Amino acid sequence: MTAKERVLEVMKKEGSPMNAGKITEISGLERKEVDKAMKDLKDEGVIISPKRCFWEPA
Protein backbone atom coordinates (compact mmCIF):
# COMPACT_ATOMS: atom_id res chain seq x y z
CA MET A 1 0.00 0.00 0.00
CA THR A 2 1.38 3.40 -0.96
CA ALA A 3 1.46 6.38 1.37
CA LYS A 4 -1.32 8.03 -0.68
CA GLU A 5 -3.53 4.96 -0.34
CA ARG A 6 -2.85 4.75 3.40
CA VAL A 7 -3.63 8.46 3.95
CA LEU A 8 -6.88 8.17 1.99
CA GLU A 9 -7.85 5.00 3.87
CA VAL A 10 -7.32 6.73 7.25
CA MET A 11 -9.38 9.74 6.13
CA LYS A 12 -12.27 7.58 4.92
CA LYS A 13 -12.23 5.44 8.06
CA GLU A 14 -12.25 8.49 10.38
CA GLY A 15 -15.21 10.06 8.59
CA SER A 16 -14.47 13.65 9.59
CA PRO A 17 -12.00 16.32 8.42
CA MET A 18 -8.48 15.67 9.71
CA ASN A 19 -5.19 17.53 9.87
CA ALA A 20 -1.83 16.06 8.85
CA GLY A 21 -0.75 15.56 12.48
CA LYS A 22 -3.72 13.34 13.25
CA ILE A 23 -3.24 11.36 10.01
CA THR A 24 0.43 10.86 10.90
CA GLU A 25 -0.54 9.62 14.37
CA ILE A 26 -3.15 7.14 13.11
CA SER A 27 -1.39 5.91 9.96
CA GLY A 28 2.04 5.28 11.46
CA LEU A 29 3.65 7.02 8.48
CA GLU A 30 6.30 9.72 8.84
CA ARG A 31 5.07 13.31 8.68
CA LYS A 32 7.13 13.94 5.55
CA GLU A 33 5.39 11.03 3.76
CA VAL A 34 1.95 12.23 4.87
CA ASP A 35 2.63 15.80 3.69
CA LYS A 36 3.78 14.59 0.25
CA ALA A 37 0.84 12.19 -0.10
CA MET A 38 -1.64 14.91 0.90
CA LYS A 39 -0.12 17.35 -1.59
CA ASP A 40 -0.43 14.77 -4.37
CA LEU A 41 -4.01 13.89 -3.38
CA LYS A 42 -4.93 17.59 -3.27
CA ASP A 43 -3.39 18.21 -6.71
CA GLU A 44 -5.36 15.25 -8.09
CA GLY A 45 -8.59 16.59 -6.58
CA VAL A 46 -9.09 13.50 -4.40
CA ILE A 47 -9.20 15.44 -1.11
CA ILE A 48 -10.68 18.83 -0.27
CA SER A 49 -10.30 21.26 2.60
CA PRO A 50 -13.61 22.20 4.26
CA LYS A 51 -11.74 24.41 6.73
CA ARG A 52 -8.19 25.64 7.07
CA CYS A 53 -5.61 22.87 7.63
CA PHE A 54 -8.24 20.11 7.72
CA TRP A 55 -8.84 17.70 4.86
CA GLU A 56 -11.37 15.07 3.83
CA PRO A 57 -12.02 12.91 0.75
CA ALA A 58 -13.77 14.79 -2.06
C-alpha atoms as a PDB file:
ATOM      1  CA  MET A   1       0.000   0.000   0.000  1.00  0.00           C
ATOM      2  CA  THR A   2       1.379   3.396  -0.964  1.00  0.00           C
ATOM      3  CA  ALA A   3       1.464   6.382   1.373  1.00  0.00           C
ATOM      4  CA  LYS A   4      -1.317   8.032  -0.680  1.00  0.00           C
ATOM      5  CA  GLU A   5      -3.528   4.959  -0.342  1.00  0.00           C
ATOM      6  CA  ARG A   6      -2.845   4.754   3.403  1.00  0.00           C
ATOM      7  CA  VAL A   7      -3.631   8.459   3.950  1.00  0.00           C
ATOM      8  CA  LEU A   8      -6.882   8.172   1.986  1.00  0.00           C
ATOM      9  CA  GLU A   9      -7.851   5.002   3.874  1.00  0.00           C
ATOM     10  CA  VAL A  10      -7.317   6.726   7.246  1.00  0.00           C
ATOM     11  CA  MET A  11      -9.384   9.740   6.128  1.00  0.00           C
ATOM     12  CA  LYS A  12     -12.273   7.579   4.919  1.00  0.00           C
ATOM     13  CA  LYS A  13     -12.228   5.444   8.062  1.00  0.00           C
ATOM     14  CA  GLU A  14     -12.251   8.488  10.379  1.00  0.00           C
ATOM     15  CA  GLY A  15     -15.211  10.064   8.590  1.00  0.00           C
ATOM     16  CA  SER A  16     -14.469  13.648   9.587  1.00  0.00           C
ATOM     17  CA  PRO A  17     -12.005  16.318   8.418  1.00  0.00           C
ATOM     18  CA  MET A  18      -8.484  15.671   9.711  1.00  0.00           C
ATOM     19  CA  ASN A  19      -5.191  17.528   9.875  1.00  0.00           C
ATOM     20  CA  ALA A  20      -1.831  16.062   8.854  1.00  0.00           C
ATOM     21  CA  GLY A  21      -0.746  15.563  12.476  1.00  0.00           C
ATOM     22  CA  LYS A  22      -3.720  13.338  13.246  1.00  0.00           C
ATOM     23  CA  ILE A  23      -3.241  11.364  10.015  1.00  0.00           C
ATOM     24  CA  THR A  24       0.434  10.862  10.905  1.00  0.00           C
ATOM     25  CA  GLU A  25      -0.535   9.619  14.366  1.00  0.00           C
ATOM     26  CA  ILE A  26      -3.145   7.140  13.105  1.00  0.00           C
ATOM     27  CA  SER A  27      -1.386   5.908   9.957  1.00  0.00           C
ATOM     28  CA  GLY A  28       2.036   5.285  11.458  1.00  0.00           C
ATOM     29  CA  LEU A  29       3.652   7.017   8.482  1.00  0.00           C
ATOM     30  CA  GLU A  30       6.305   9.716   8.838  1.00  0.00           C
ATOM     31  CA  ARG A  31       5.066  13.311   8.679  1.00  0.00           C
ATOM     32  CA  LYS A  32       7.129  13.939   5.546  1.00  0.00           C
ATOM     33  CA  GLU A  33       5.393  11.034   3.758  1.00  0.00           C
ATOM     34  CA  VAL A  34       1.950  12.232   4.874  1.00  0.00           C
ATOM     35  CA  ASP A  35       2.629  15.799   3.689  1.00  0.00           C
ATOM     36  CA  LYS A  36       3.782  14.587   0.250  1.00  0.00           C
ATOM     37  CA  ALA A  37       0.838  12.188  -0.099  1.00  0.00           C
ATOM     38  CA  MET A  38      -1.642  14.906   0.903  1.00  0.00           C
ATOM     39  CA  LYS A  39      -0.123  17.354  -1.592  1.00  0.00           C
ATOM     40  CA  ASP A  40      -0.428  14.771  -4.375  1.00  0.00           C
ATOM     41  CA  LEU A  41      -4.011  13.893  -3.385  1.00  0.00           C
ATOM     42  CA  LYS A  42      -4.928  17.592  -3.269  1.00  0.00           C
ATOM     43  CA  ASP A  43      -3.389  18.213  -6.706  1.00  0.00           C
ATOM     44  CA  GLU A  44      -5.365  15.245  -8.093  1.00  0.00           C
ATOM     45  CA  GLY A  45      -8.594  16.586  -6.581  1.00  0.00           C
ATOM     46  CA  VAL A  46      -9.091  13.497  -4.399  1.00  0.00           C
ATOM     47  CA  ILE A  47      -9.198  15.436  -1.111  1.00  0.00           C
ATOM     48  CA  ILE A  48     -10.683  18.828  -0.271  1.00  0.00           C
ATOM     49  CA  SER A  49     -10.300  21.256   2.602  1.00  0.00           C
ATOM     50  CA  PRO A  50     -13.610  22.197   4.259  1.00  0.00           C
ATOM     51  CA  LYS A  51     -11.738  24.414   6.726  1.00  0.00           C
ATOM     52  CA  ARG A  52      -8.187  25.643   7.073  1.00  0.00           C
ATOM     53  CA  CYS A  53      -5.612  22.872   7.626  1.00  0.00           C
ATOM     54  CA  PHE A  54      -8.240  20.107   7.719  1.00  0.00           C
ATOM     55  CA  TRP A  55      -8.837  17.698   4.864  1.00  0.00           C
ATOM     56  CA  GLU A  56     -11.367  15.067   3.826  1.00  0.00           C
ATOM     57  CA  PRO A  57     -12.024  12.907   0.750  1.00  0.00           C
ATOM     58  CA  ALA A  58     -13.773  14.794  -2.058  1.00  0.00           C
END
